[in-house]
Amino acid sequence: MSVDQQNPEFDKYVNEWTRVTDCCEGQRAVKDKRAEYLRPMEGVTTEDSRYISYINRAVFVNFTGRTKEGLTGAIFRSEPEIEIPDQLEYLLENADGAGESLSSLAKDVSGEVIGKGRHALLVDFPQLEQGLTLEQTQQIQPQASINRYTAENFINWNVSVVAGRKILTLAVLCELYDDDEDEFTYELKKQYRVLRLRDGVYTQQLYREEMPYGEEFTPKRSDGSSFDFIPLFIIGSENNDASVDVPPLADIANVNIAHYRNSADLEENCFIHGQLTLGVSSSMSMSQFAEANPNGITVGSMAGHFLGESGGFSSVQASENQLADKLMERKEDQMRKLGARMVENTGNKTATQSRIDATGESSILSTIADNVSDGIQTCISWCGQFMGVDAEEATYSLNKKFFDDDANPQLMMAAIQLNDRGVIGKSDLQDMARSQGIVKPERSNEDIDGEVEVVAPI
C-alpha cells in the first residue's frame, strides 16, 4: 500500500469539498471545469464553437462564496478574546512561521470549516541541523508554528483505542514543494508528511515520489521528551474528531451549480429564439429575385427591396418564456433558506423575523466558532510545550454574537427606577446595559466606574 492511499471517508467527501471550493472561487473556477458542471448539448463536443459560446454566455453568480464571506464576517464582527503568554506573543504576528498572523489564520480556518466542515492544524517546530553549537542554536531562535491543512490535503488517518480512549495514530498530509532550481520558473510537486504514533512516541517522516525522503525523526518538547500524542488538531463543523462532518455549504453549492445551468439554458434560448426571423414571399423566381435584389435582404428601415407582384414580408420572434427565470428565482430562494441570506434584501423584515430566519445558521455558526476557538487555543498550548512555556491557561475565544440586540427602552427605564429606589444595585444596571448592547461587552464595571469618576462634575 502506497503513501498516497486515501481514507474511505476522504473518497466519499472529496468531490463535495472540490465543488464548494470551485463555487467559492467563483465563475472562473467553475467555467474552467467546463463539462463537469455544464454538459454540452446532444451531439456537440466541448471543442465545438457552439458549446464554447454556450459556456461563455452562461453566468455564474457566486452565492456560495458570498455566503461563506458573510458567515465568516459574522464571526469576526468583534475581535476574539485572547490571553497568551508573553513568550508566545510572536504568534499574533507570525502564527505559521511564514508571516500569517493569528487573526488571519483564524479567519482562514473559520472560512474553511464553514465551507467544507473540516480543517487540520499541525503544531510543528523547525528541525535544526545536526552539529550546531549551543551559541548557533540560540542565534537561530527557532519558534513553534501552527500550520494549516485543508480537507483535501488531509488524505489519510487512523484512530486507535488506547486505554479506553480514541487516539489519532496515523495522519498523512499532502504538501506541495517547488522542485525547479530556476528562480523564475515553478514546478510544483507533491510530497507527503506522515505523522505516526508508535508505542506512545510521535514521529514524522517525509515521502516524495512514494518513497521515504529522509529519516523518520522524533519531534521533542523543550525538555527533550517526546510527545505521546500527535499534535494535529482536527476541526469540524459538528465535532472536533477524526470523522468527517457534512460540509455546511455543500447544499448551497449544489443549488448554485444548478442555478448556473439554468442561466446557460436561458442565455442560449434567448440568443437563438430571441432574434428576429424574417420570412419573404414573392411570385418571382429565385433568379428574378436575385437579379432584383443583388445585395440580398437586409433587415432594417434603411433598406429597400423589390419583391415583385404579390410579394410580402413576415417576421417571427419568440414570445416571452419565463420558465428559466422562474427556475432561477426558485433556486435563489432555496439558497436563501439554506443560509444565503445576502441573496435577498431583508431590510423590510423586523429584527425578530431576521433572528428567527437566522436561528438555524446561528446554531451551526456558534458550533463552528466554538470548535475553531478550541482548536486554536489547544494549538497555542502545544506551541508552549515546544517552546518551554506554560500555556495551559492561554485562551482564544471567537465572537458568537452574530447580530445586534435591540435595546428595550421600557426595560432600561424600569431598571433605572429600581436603581433609584435602591431595589437593585448600580452593577445590576451596568450588567443590563451590557446585555442590551448599550455598553460594549468587553468593558467591565470597574472600567465604567473609573471613566465615570474621571468625567463626573465636581
Protein backbone atom coordinates (compact mmCIF):
# COMPACT_ATOMS: atom_id res chain seq x y z
CA MET A 1 0.00 0.00 0.00
CA SER A 2 1.48 3.37 -1.07
CA VAL A 3 1.74 6.57 0.96
CA ASP A 4 -0.84 8.35 -1.22
CA GLN A 5 -3.55 5.88 -0.17
CA GLN A 6 -6.74 7.77 0.71
CA ASN A 7 -9.09 7.13 3.62
CA PRO A 8 -12.55 5.82 2.53
CA GLU A 9 -14.21 8.83 4.18
CA PHE A 10 -11.90 11.11 2.21
CA ASP A 11 -13.02 9.48 -1.05
CA LYS A 12 -16.64 9.89 -0.01
CA TYR A 13 -16.46 13.66 0.52
CA VAL A 14 -13.62 14.93 -1.68
CA ASN A 15 -15.89 15.76 -4.64
CA GLU A 16 -18.16 17.84 -2.38
CA TRP A 17 -15.14 19.72 -0.99
CA THR A 18 -13.92 20.41 -4.52
CA ARG A 19 -17.36 21.65 -5.60
CA VAL A 20 -17.58 24.01 -2.62
CA THR A 21 -14.06 25.29 -3.32
CA ASP A 22 -14.83 25.92 -7.01
CA CYS A 23 -18.08 27.72 -6.19
CA CYS A 24 -16.38 29.90 -3.58
CA GLU A 25 -13.64 30.84 -6.06
CA GLY A 26 -16.32 31.97 -8.50
CA GLN A 27 -17.06 31.98 -12.21
CA ARG A 28 -13.50 31.45 -13.43
CA ALA A 29 -13.03 28.23 -11.43
CA VAL A 30 -16.48 26.89 -12.36
CA LYS A 31 -16.07 27.58 -16.09
CA ASP A 32 -12.56 26.12 -16.09
CA LYS A 33 -14.12 22.76 -15.17
CA ARG A 34 -16.25 23.05 -18.34
CA ALA A 35 -18.32 19.86 -18.87
CA GLU A 36 -18.00 18.80 -15.23
CA TYR A 37 -20.53 21.50 -14.28
CA LEU A 38 -22.10 22.34 -17.68
CA ARG A 39 -22.51 19.46 -20.09
CA PRO A 40 -22.67 20.09 -23.85
CA MET A 41 -25.86 19.60 -25.86
CA GLU A 42 -26.65 16.31 -27.56
CA GLY A 43 -24.30 15.72 -30.49
CA VAL A 44 -22.00 18.62 -29.52
CA THR A 45 -18.49 18.23 -28.06
CA THR A 46 -16.71 20.57 -25.68
CA GLU A 47 -14.47 21.69 -28.54
CA ASP A 48 -17.33 22.81 -30.80
CA SER A 49 -17.84 26.54 -31.22
CA ARG A 50 -21.48 26.20 -30.17
CA TYR A 51 -20.51 24.76 -26.76
CA ILE A 52 -17.81 27.41 -26.31
CA SER A 53 -20.43 30.12 -26.97
CA TYR A 54 -22.87 28.28 -24.71
CA ILE A 55 -20.49 28.30 -21.76
CA ASN A 56 -19.27 31.84 -22.43
CA ARG A 57 -22.82 33.23 -22.34
CA ALA A 58 -23.66 31.43 -19.06
CA VAL A 59 -23.43 33.50 -15.88
CA PHE A 60 -22.31 32.05 -12.56
CA VAL A 61 -23.47 34.20 -9.64
CA ASN A 62 -21.30 33.44 -6.63
CA PHE A 63 -23.92 32.88 -3.93
CA THR A 64 -21.78 30.22 -2.24
CA GLY A 65 -18.72 32.44 -1.87
CA ARG A 66 -20.79 35.34 -0.61
CA THR A 67 -22.45 33.10 1.94
CA LYS A 68 -19.05 31.94 3.18
CA GLU A 69 -17.76 35.51 3.39
CA GLY A 70 -20.91 36.72 5.13
CA LEU A 71 -20.89 33.98 7.77
CA THR A 72 -17.14 34.37 8.37
CA GLY A 73 -17.66 38.11 8.72
CA ALA A 74 -20.40 37.47 11.30
CA ILE A 75 -17.90 35.61 13.48
CA PHE A 76 -15.28 38.33 13.16
CA ARG A 77 -17.60 41.32 13.56
CA SER A 78 -15.99 41.54 17.01
CA GLU A 79 -12.38 40.84 17.91
CA PRO A 80 -11.69 37.45 19.55
CA GLU A 81 -10.75 37.29 23.21
CA ILE A 82 -7.07 36.39 23.53
CA GLU A 83 -4.88 35.74 26.54
CA ILE A 84 -1.44 34.45 25.63
CA PRO A 85 1.91 34.23 27.47
CA ASP A 86 4.46 36.91 26.59
CA GLN A 87 6.87 34.31 25.19
CA LEU A 88 4.25 33.22 22.65
CA GLU A 89 3.13 36.68 21.54
CA TYR A 90 5.08 36.18 18.31
CA LEU A 91 2.12 34.01 17.22
CA LEU A 92 -0.04 37.13 16.98
CA GLU A 93 2.08 38.35 14.04
CA ASN A 94 3.58 35.12 12.76
CA ALA A 95 1.50 32.08 13.63
CA ASP A 96 2.50 29.77 10.76
CA GLY A 97 6.20 30.63 10.52
CA ALA A 98 5.61 32.27 7.13
CA GLY A 99 4.21 35.63 8.29
CA GLU A 100 0.49 34.89 8.64
CA SER A 101 -0.97 36.48 11.76
CA LEU A 102 -3.06 34.53 14.24
CA SER A 103 -6.09 36.63 13.31
CA SER A 104 -5.65 35.88 9.59
CA LEU A 105 -5.13 32.19 10.34
CA ALA A 106 -8.32 32.09 12.41
CA LYS A 107 -10.32 33.72 9.60
CA ASP A 108 -8.96 31.27 7.03
CA VAL A 109 -9.70 28.29 9.26
CA SER A 110 -13.22 29.53 10.05
CA GLY A 111 -13.97 30.03 6.35
CA GLU A 112 -12.73 26.54 5.52
CA VAL A 113 -14.82 24.92 8.26
CA ILE A 114 -17.91 26.94 7.23
CA GLY A 115 -17.43 25.78 3.65
CA LYS A 116 -16.23 22.19 3.98
CA GLY A 117 -16.79 21.28 7.63
CA ARG A 118 -13.18 20.17 8.13
CA HIS A 119 -9.69 21.59 8.65
CA ALA A 120 -6.49 20.43 10.36
CA LEU A 121 -3.88 22.36 12.34
CA LEU A 122 -0.43 20.87 12.90
CA VAL A 123 1.81 22.37 15.56
CA ASP A 124 5.41 21.90 14.44
CA PHE A 125 8.90 23.00 15.35
CA PRO A 126 11.84 23.53 12.96
CA GLN A 127 14.30 20.66 12.92
CA LEU A 128 17.77 22.09 13.45
CA GLU A 129 20.76 20.74 11.58
CA GLN A 130 22.95 18.27 13.42
CA GLY A 131 26.26 19.54 14.77
CA LEU A 132 25.20 23.10 15.62
CA THR A 133 26.71 24.58 18.75
CA LEU A 134 24.56 25.96 21.57
CA GLU A 135 25.51 29.50 20.56
CA GLN A 136 24.47 28.87 16.94
CA THR A 137 21.20 27.35 18.11
CA GLN A 138 20.44 30.40 20.26
CA GLN A 139 21.16 32.74 17.35
CA ILE A 140 18.68 30.92 15.09
CA GLN A 141 15.90 31.22 17.71
CA PRO A 142 13.52 28.60 16.27
CA GLN A 143 9.84 29.04 17.05
CA ALA A 144 6.90 26.66 17.10
CA SER A 145 4.30 27.28 14.40
CA ILE A 146 0.68 26.41 13.62
CA ASN A 147 0.39 25.02 10.08
CA ARG A 148 -2.92 24.74 8.20
CA TYR A 149 -4.06 21.77 6.13
CA THR A 150 -7.30 21.86 4.16
CA ALA A 151 -9.70 18.92 4.00
CA GLU A 152 -8.27 17.99 0.57
CA ASN A 153 -4.69 17.93 1.96
CA PHE A 154 -5.52 15.63 4.89
CA ILE A 155 -5.80 12.47 2.82
CA ASN A 156 -5.49 9.61 5.29
CA TRP A 157 -5.76 8.90 9.01
CA ASN A 158 -6.24 6.15 11.51
CA VAL A 159 -7.69 6.18 15.02
CA SER A 160 -6.98 3.52 17.62
CA VAL A 161 -8.41 2.90 21.07
CA VAL A 162 -5.67 3.13 23.69
CA ALA A 163 -6.56 2.68 27.37
CA GLY A 164 -10.22 3.21 26.55
CA ARG A 165 -9.54 6.45 24.69
CA LYS A 166 -9.65 7.14 20.94
CA ILE A 167 -6.27 8.48 19.80
CA LEU A 168 -5.04 9.54 16.37
CA THR A 169 -2.22 7.13 15.50
CA LEU A 170 -1.64 7.99 11.82
CA ALA A 171 -2.09 11.11 9.70
CA VAL A 172 -0.92 11.63 6.12
CA LEU A 173 -0.75 15.25 4.92
CA CYS A 174 -0.23 16.18 1.27
CA GLU A 175 2.02 19.19 0.63
CA LEU A 176 3.37 20.98 -2.45
CA TYR A 177 7.01 21.94 -2.97
CA ASP A 178 8.91 23.68 -5.76
CA ASP A 179 11.29 21.24 -7.43
CA ASP A 180 12.71 23.68 -10.01
CA GLU A 181 16.09 25.22 -9.26
CA ASP A 182 15.42 28.09 -11.67
CA GLU A 183 14.28 31.09 -9.64
CA PHE A 184 11.98 32.30 -12.42
CA THR A 185 10.00 29.12 -13.00
CA TYR A 186 7.90 26.83 -10.85
CA GLU A 187 7.50 23.09 -10.93
CA LEU A 188 5.20 22.12 -8.10
CA LYS A 189 5.27 18.52 -6.94
CA LYS A 190 3.57 16.60 -4.16
CA GLN A 191 5.20 15.37 -1.00
CA TYR A 192 3.59 13.57 1.91
CA ARG A 193 4.19 14.26 5.59
CA VAL A 194 3.44 11.13 7.58
CA LEU A 195 2.70 11.54 11.29
CA ARG A 196 2.81 8.36 13.35
CA LEU A 197 2.25 7.37 16.95
CA ARG A 198 4.20 4.18 17.65
CA ASP A 199 4.44 2.71 21.13
CA GLY A 200 3.37 6.03 22.57
CA VAL A 201 6.01 8.07 20.67
CA TYR A 202 5.15 10.67 18.00
CA THR A 203 7.30 10.67 14.84
CA GLN A 204 7.36 12.39 11.45
CA GLN A 205 8.65 11.33 8.04
CA LEU A 206 8.56 12.89 4.57
CA TYR A 207 7.84 10.96 1.36
CA ARG A 208 8.49 12.08 -2.20
CA GLU A 209 7.54 10.08 -5.27
CA GLU A 210 6.07 7.50 -2.86
CA MET A 211 9.50 6.85 -1.34
CA PRO A 212 10.88 7.98 2.05
CA TYR A 213 12.69 11.29 1.77
CA GLY A 214 14.93 11.43 4.80
CA GLU A 215 14.85 9.50 8.03
CA GLU A 216 11.93 9.20 10.39
CA PHE A 217 12.51 11.65 13.25
CA THR A 218 11.00 12.34 16.65
CA PRO A 219 9.93 15.93 17.42
CA LYS A 220 10.79 16.81 21.02
CA ARG A 221 9.45 19.11 23.70
CA SER A 222 11.69 21.83 25.07
CA ASP A 223 12.77 19.50 27.90
CA GLY A 224 13.87 16.82 25.41
CA SER A 225 10.93 14.48 26.00
CA SER A 226 8.92 13.06 23.12
CA PHE A 227 5.19 13.61 22.56
CA ASP A 228 2.81 10.81 23.48
CA PHE A 229 0.24 12.13 21.01
CA ILE A 230 0.19 13.61 17.50
CA PRO A 231 -0.11 17.43 17.83
CA LEU A 232 -2.58 17.63 14.95
CA PHE A 233 -5.92 19.23 15.82
CA ILE A 234 -8.83 18.29 13.56
CA ILE A 235 -11.57 20.93 13.48
CA GLY A 236 -15.04 20.01 12.26
CA SER A 237 -18.36 21.78 11.82
CA GLU A 238 -20.02 19.36 14.24
CA ASN A 239 -17.30 17.69 16.33
CA ASN A 240 -13.55 18.04 16.66
CA ASP A 241 -12.68 14.45 15.91
CA ALA A 242 -11.25 12.44 13.03
CA SER A 243 -14.62 11.58 11.47
CA VAL A 244 -15.69 13.74 8.53
CA ASP A 245 -18.59 16.15 9.08
CA VAL A 246 -21.07 17.06 6.33
CA PRO A 247 -19.87 20.23 4.54
CA PRO A 248 -22.21 23.07 5.65
CA LEU A 249 -22.14 24.79 2.25
CA ALA A 250 -22.46 21.64 0.12
CA ASP A 251 -26.21 22.04 -0.43
CA ILE A 252 -25.84 25.70 -1.38
CA ALA A 253 -23.03 24.83 -3.81
CA ASN A 254 -25.17 22.15 -5.47
CA VAL A 255 -28.09 24.57 -5.94
CA ASN A 256 -25.63 27.25 -7.11
CA ILE A 257 -24.39 24.93 -9.89
CA ALA A 258 -27.98 24.13 -10.90
CA HIS A 259 -28.69 27.89 -11.00
CA TYR A 260 -25.66 28.27 -13.29
CA ARG A 261 -27.06 25.61 -15.65
CA ASN A 262 -30.43 27.36 -15.77
CA SER A 263 -28.60 30.57 -16.63
CA ALA A 264 -26.79 28.81 -19.50
CA ASP A 265 -30.06 27.47 -20.93
CA LEU A 266 -31.78 30.84 -20.56
CA GLU A 267 -28.99 32.71 -22.35
CA GLU A 268 -28.84 30.06 -25.09
CA ASN A 269 -32.59 30.20 -25.59
CA CYS A 270 -32.60 34.00 -25.75
CA PHE A 271 -29.71 34.01 -28.22
CA ILE A 272 -31.32 31.51 -30.59
CA HIS A 273 -35.01 32.37 -30.32
CA GLY A 274 -34.88 35.97 -29.19
CA GLN A 275 -33.61 37.26 -32.56
CA LEU A 276 -35.96 38.26 -35.36
CA THR A 277 -36.57 35.57 -38.01
CA LEU A 278 -37.53 37.02 -41.39
CA GLY A 279 -39.73 35.32 -44.00
CA VAL A 280 -40.20 36.57 -47.60
CA SER A 281 -42.93 35.54 -50.04
CA SER A 282 -42.95 36.51 -53.75
CA SER A 283 -44.24 35.34 -57.13
CA MET A 284 -40.75 35.92 -58.54
CA SER A 285 -38.45 33.02 -59.35
CA MET A 286 -35.18 32.65 -57.47
CA SER A 287 -33.18 34.08 -60.39
CA GLN A 288 -35.55 37.03 -60.78
CA PHE A 289 -35.43 37.73 -57.04
CA ALA A 290 -31.62 37.59 -57.02
CA GLU A 291 -31.47 39.95 -60.02
CA ALA A 292 -33.89 42.41 -58.38
CA ASN A 293 -32.05 42.23 -55.03
CA PRO A 294 -28.35 41.74 -55.86
CA ASN A 295 -27.28 42.51 -52.27
CA GLY A 296 -29.74 40.08 -50.73
CA ILE A 297 -32.15 41.04 -47.96
CA THR A 298 -31.03 43.42 -45.23
CA VAL A 299 -33.27 43.76 -42.20
CA GLY A 300 -33.78 47.38 -41.19
CA SER A 301 -35.72 50.51 -42.01
CA MET A 302 -32.91 51.98 -44.15
CA ALA A 303 -33.04 49.17 -46.73
CA GLY A 304 -35.44 48.86 -49.71
CA HIS A 305 -36.29 45.65 -51.56
CA PHE A 306 -38.26 44.71 -54.66
CA LEU A 307 -40.45 41.68 -54.05
CA GLY A 308 -42.45 41.66 -57.25
CA GLU A 309 -46.16 41.07 -57.66
CA SER A 310 -47.94 39.84 -54.51
CA GLY A 311 -44.66 39.93 -52.55
CA GLY A 312 -44.63 40.41 -48.82
CA PHE A 313 -42.62 40.27 -45.60
CA SER A 314 -43.39 38.32 -42.44
CA SER A 315 -41.35 38.13 -39.25
CA VAL A 316 -41.37 35.71 -36.34
CA GLN A 317 -39.91 36.28 -32.88
CA ALA A 318 -40.18 34.04 -29.83
CA SER A 319 -42.67 35.18 -27.23
CA GLU A 320 -41.56 35.72 -23.66
CA ASN A 321 -40.98 32.50 -21.73
CA GLN A 322 -40.39 32.86 -18.01
CA LEU A 323 -39.75 29.18 -17.17
CA ALA A 324 -35.97 29.52 -16.82
CA ASP A 325 -36.38 32.76 -14.87
CA LYS A 326 -38.81 31.05 -12.50
CA LEU A 327 -36.44 28.13 -12.00
CA MET A 328 -33.59 30.52 -11.20
CA GLU A 329 -35.74 32.51 -8.77
CA ARG A 330 -36.78 29.29 -7.04
CA LYS A 331 -33.14 28.25 -6.61
CA GLU A 332 -32.23 31.68 -5.25
CA ASP A 333 -34.98 31.26 -2.66
CA GLN A 334 -33.66 27.78 -1.82
CA MET A 335 -30.16 29.15 -1.30
CA ARG A 336 -31.51 31.93 0.90
CA LYS A 337 -33.29 29.36 3.05
CA LEU A 338 -30.14 27.25 3.21
CA GLY A 339 -28.14 30.13 4.61
CA ALA A 340 -27.52 32.57 1.77
CA ARG A 341 -29.44 35.42 3.38
CA MET A 342 -27.50 38.05 1.43
CA VAL A 343 -29.16 36.90 -1.80
CA GLU A 344 -32.39 38.66 -0.95
CA ASN A 345 -32.88 42.08 0.59
CA THR A 346 -34.28 41.56 4.10
CA GLY A 347 -34.45 45.22 5.02
CA ASN A 348 -38.26 45.14 5.28
CA LYS A 349 -38.18 42.42 7.95
CA THR A 350 -38.38 43.12 11.63
CA ALA A 351 -35.42 42.32 13.85
CA THR A 352 -37.36 39.44 15.40
CA GLN A 353 -38.14 37.92 11.98
CA SER A 354 -34.49 38.20 10.97
CA ARG A 355 -33.43 36.41 14.14
CA ILE A 356 -35.96 33.62 13.51
CA ASP A 357 -34.62 33.21 9.95
CA ALA A 358 -31.07 33.15 11.31
CA THR A 359 -31.69 30.61 14.09
CA GLY A 360 -30.52 27.55 12.15
CA GLU A 361 -27.46 29.25 10.69
CA SER A 362 -26.57 30.80 14.05
CA SER A 363 -26.70 27.40 15.71
CA ILE A 364 -24.28 25.94 13.16
CA LEU A 365 -22.14 29.06 13.26
CA SER A 366 -21.95 29.00 17.07
CA THR A 367 -20.72 25.41 16.97
CA ILE A 368 -18.11 26.29 14.34
CA ALA A 369 -16.93 29.31 16.36
CA ASP A 370 -16.58 27.10 19.45
CA ASN A 371 -14.74 24.38 17.52
CA VAL A 372 -12.28 26.81 15.90
CA SER A 373 -11.70 28.54 19.26
CA ASP A 374 -10.99 25.19 20.90
CA GLY A 375 -8.60 24.20 18.10
CA ILE A 376 -6.55 27.40 18.15
CA GLN A 377 -6.45 27.52 21.95
CA THR A 378 -5.17 23.92 22.09
CA CYS A 379 -2.56 24.65 19.41
CA ILE A 380 -1.29 27.62 21.43
CA SER A 381 -0.79 25.34 24.43
CA TRP A 382 1.07 22.81 22.23
CA CYS A 383 3.31 25.62 20.97
CA GLY A 384 4.10 26.28 24.62
CA GLN A 385 5.26 22.67 25.05
CA PHE A 386 7.68 23.09 22.15
CA MET A 387 8.90 26.46 23.46
CA GLY A 388 9.13 25.56 27.15
CA VAL A 389 6.31 27.94 28.09
CA ASP A 390 3.37 27.13 30.35
CA ALA A 391 0.42 27.99 28.07
CA GLU A 392 -2.24 25.82 29.67
CA GLU A 393 -4.07 28.94 30.85
CA ALA A 394 -3.95 30.60 27.43
CA THR A 395 -7.36 31.43 25.97
CA TYR A 396 -8.64 32.09 22.48
CA SER A 397 -12.37 32.68 22.04
CA LEU A 398 -14.16 33.80 18.87
CA ASN A 399 -17.22 36.03 18.89
CA LYS A 400 -20.61 34.29 18.92
CA LYS A 401 -22.84 37.37 18.89
CA PHE A 402 -23.63 37.45 15.20
CA PHE A 403 -26.23 40.24 15.16
CA ASP A 404 -27.06 43.25 17.28
CA ASP A 405 -29.64 43.05 20.01
CA ASP A 406 -32.28 45.78 20.08
CA ALA A 407 -32.19 47.68 23.35
CA ASN A 408 -35.51 47.59 25.21
CA PRO A 409 -36.14 51.19 26.38
CA GLN A 410 -39.02 50.21 28.70
CA LEU A 411 -36.85 47.60 30.40
CA MET A 412 -34.00 50.08 30.83
CA MET A 413 -36.29 52.76 32.27
CA ALA A 414 -37.73 50.25 34.74
CA ALA A 415 -34.20 49.24 35.76
CA ILE A 416 -33.20 52.88 36.32
CA GLN A 417 -36.27 53.41 38.52
CA LEU A 418 -35.48 50.28 40.52
CA ASN A 419 -31.92 51.52 40.97
CA ASP A 420 -33.15 54.95 42.12
CA ARG A 421 -35.36 53.25 44.70
CA GLY A 422 -32.49 51.10 45.94
CA VAL A 423 -34.07 47.83 44.82
CA ILE A 424 -31.16 46.87 42.53
CA GLY A 425 -27.54 47.99 42.59
CA LYS A 426 -25.53 50.01 40.10
CA SER A 427 -23.70 46.88 38.98
CA ASP A 428 -27.05 45.28 38.09
CA LEU A 429 -27.86 48.31 35.96
CA GLN A 430 -24.45 48.12 34.28
CA ASP A 431 -24.90 44.41 33.57
CA MET A 432 -28.26 45.10 31.96
CA ALA A 433 -26.78 47.91 29.85
CA ARG A 434 -24.12 45.46 28.70
CA SER A 435 -26.67 42.77 27.83
CA GLN A 436 -28.76 45.31 25.89
CA GLY A 437 -25.79 46.34 23.75
CA ILE A 438 -25.59 49.86 25.23
CA VAL A 439 -22.20 49.09 26.74
CA LYS A 440 -19.57 47.08 24.88
CA PRO A 441 -19.31 43.54 26.30
CA GLU A 442 -15.55 43.78 26.89
CA ARG A 443 -15.94 46.77 29.23
CA SER A 444 -16.07 45.71 32.90
CA ASN A 445 -17.98 47.52 35.64
CA GLU A 446 -14.65 48.75 37.01
CA ASP A 447 -13.79 50.29 33.62
CA ILE A 448 -17.13 52.11 33.57
CA ASP A 449 -16.80 53.31 37.18
CA GLY A 450 -13.29 54.62 36.52
CA GLU A 451 -14.37 56.56 33.44
CA VAL A 452 -17.46 57.99 35.18
CA GLU A 453 -15.35 59.19 38.12
CA VAL A 454 -12.97 61.00 35.73
CA VAL A 455 -15.64 62.87 33.76
CA ALA A 456 -18.22 63.43 36.53
CA PRO A 457 -18.66 67.08 37.58
CA ILE A 458 -17.24 68.13 40.95
